[in-house]
Protein backbone atom coordinates (compact mmCIF):
# COMPACT_ATOMS: atom_id res chain seq x y z
CA UNK A 1 32.65 47.15 11.84
CA UNK A 2 31.41 50.14 13.75
CA UNK A 3 27.84 51.34 13.51
CA UNK A 4 27.08 54.12 11.03
CA UNK A 5 26.62 57.61 12.38
CA UNK A 6 25.58 60.96 10.94
CA UNK A 7 26.13 64.42 12.41
CA UNK A 8 24.88 67.87 11.60
CA UNK A 9 27.36 70.72 11.34
CA UNK A 10 30.92 71.12 10.17
CA UNK A 11 31.68 67.41 10.50
CA UNK A 12 28.61 66.31 8.55
CA UNK A 13 30.40 65.92 5.19
CA UNK A 14 33.08 63.72 6.72
CA UNK A 15 30.49 61.68 8.60
CA UNK A 16 28.42 61.29 5.43
CA UNK A 17 31.50 59.95 3.65
CA UNK A 18 32.11 57.43 6.46
CA UNK A 19 28.46 56.36 6.33
CA UNK A 20 28.55 55.93 2.54
CA UNK A 21 31.75 53.89 2.85
CA UNK A 22 30.21 51.61 5.45
CA UNK A 23 27.12 51.08 3.32
CA UNK A 24 29.18 50.28 0.21
CA UNK A 25 31.47 48.02 2.25
CA UNK A 26 28.58 45.66 2.97
CA UNK A 27 28.97 44.32 -0.59
CA UNK A 28 32.72 44.89 -1.14
CA UNK A 29 35.11 42.91 1.05
CA UNK A 30 38.14 44.94 -0.02
CA UNK A 31 36.45 48.20 0.86
CA UNK A 32 35.30 46.74 4.18
CA UNK A 33 38.90 45.81 5.02
CA UNK A 34 40.21 49.27 4.11
CA UNK A 35 37.42 50.92 6.10
CA UNK A 36 38.21 48.80 9.15
CA UNK A 37 41.91 49.72 8.92
CA UNK A 38 41.01 53.40 8.64
CA UNK A 39 38.72 53.13 11.68
CA UNK A 40 41.57 51.56 13.67
CA UNK A 41 43.96 54.27 12.53
CA UNK A 42 41.54 57.06 13.46
CA UNK A 43 41.00 55.47 16.90
CA UNK A 44 44.74 55.23 17.51
CA UNK A 45 45.19 58.89 16.63
CA UNK A 46 42.67 59.93 19.29
CA UNK A 47 44.67 58.29 22.10
C-alpha cells in the first residue's frame, strides 16, 4: 500500500479522501484490496 499523503489546494479534498480510505483500510481487508486496485488503476492512467 502506498504511503498516505495530504495536499493543500484544489486537490486537498481528493487527497483527504484517499488518506481516509488508507486509514480505514488498515482494519478492513476488503477496503484495502479495493484501495490497492484503485491505486493501480490511477497509476496506469498516468502513463
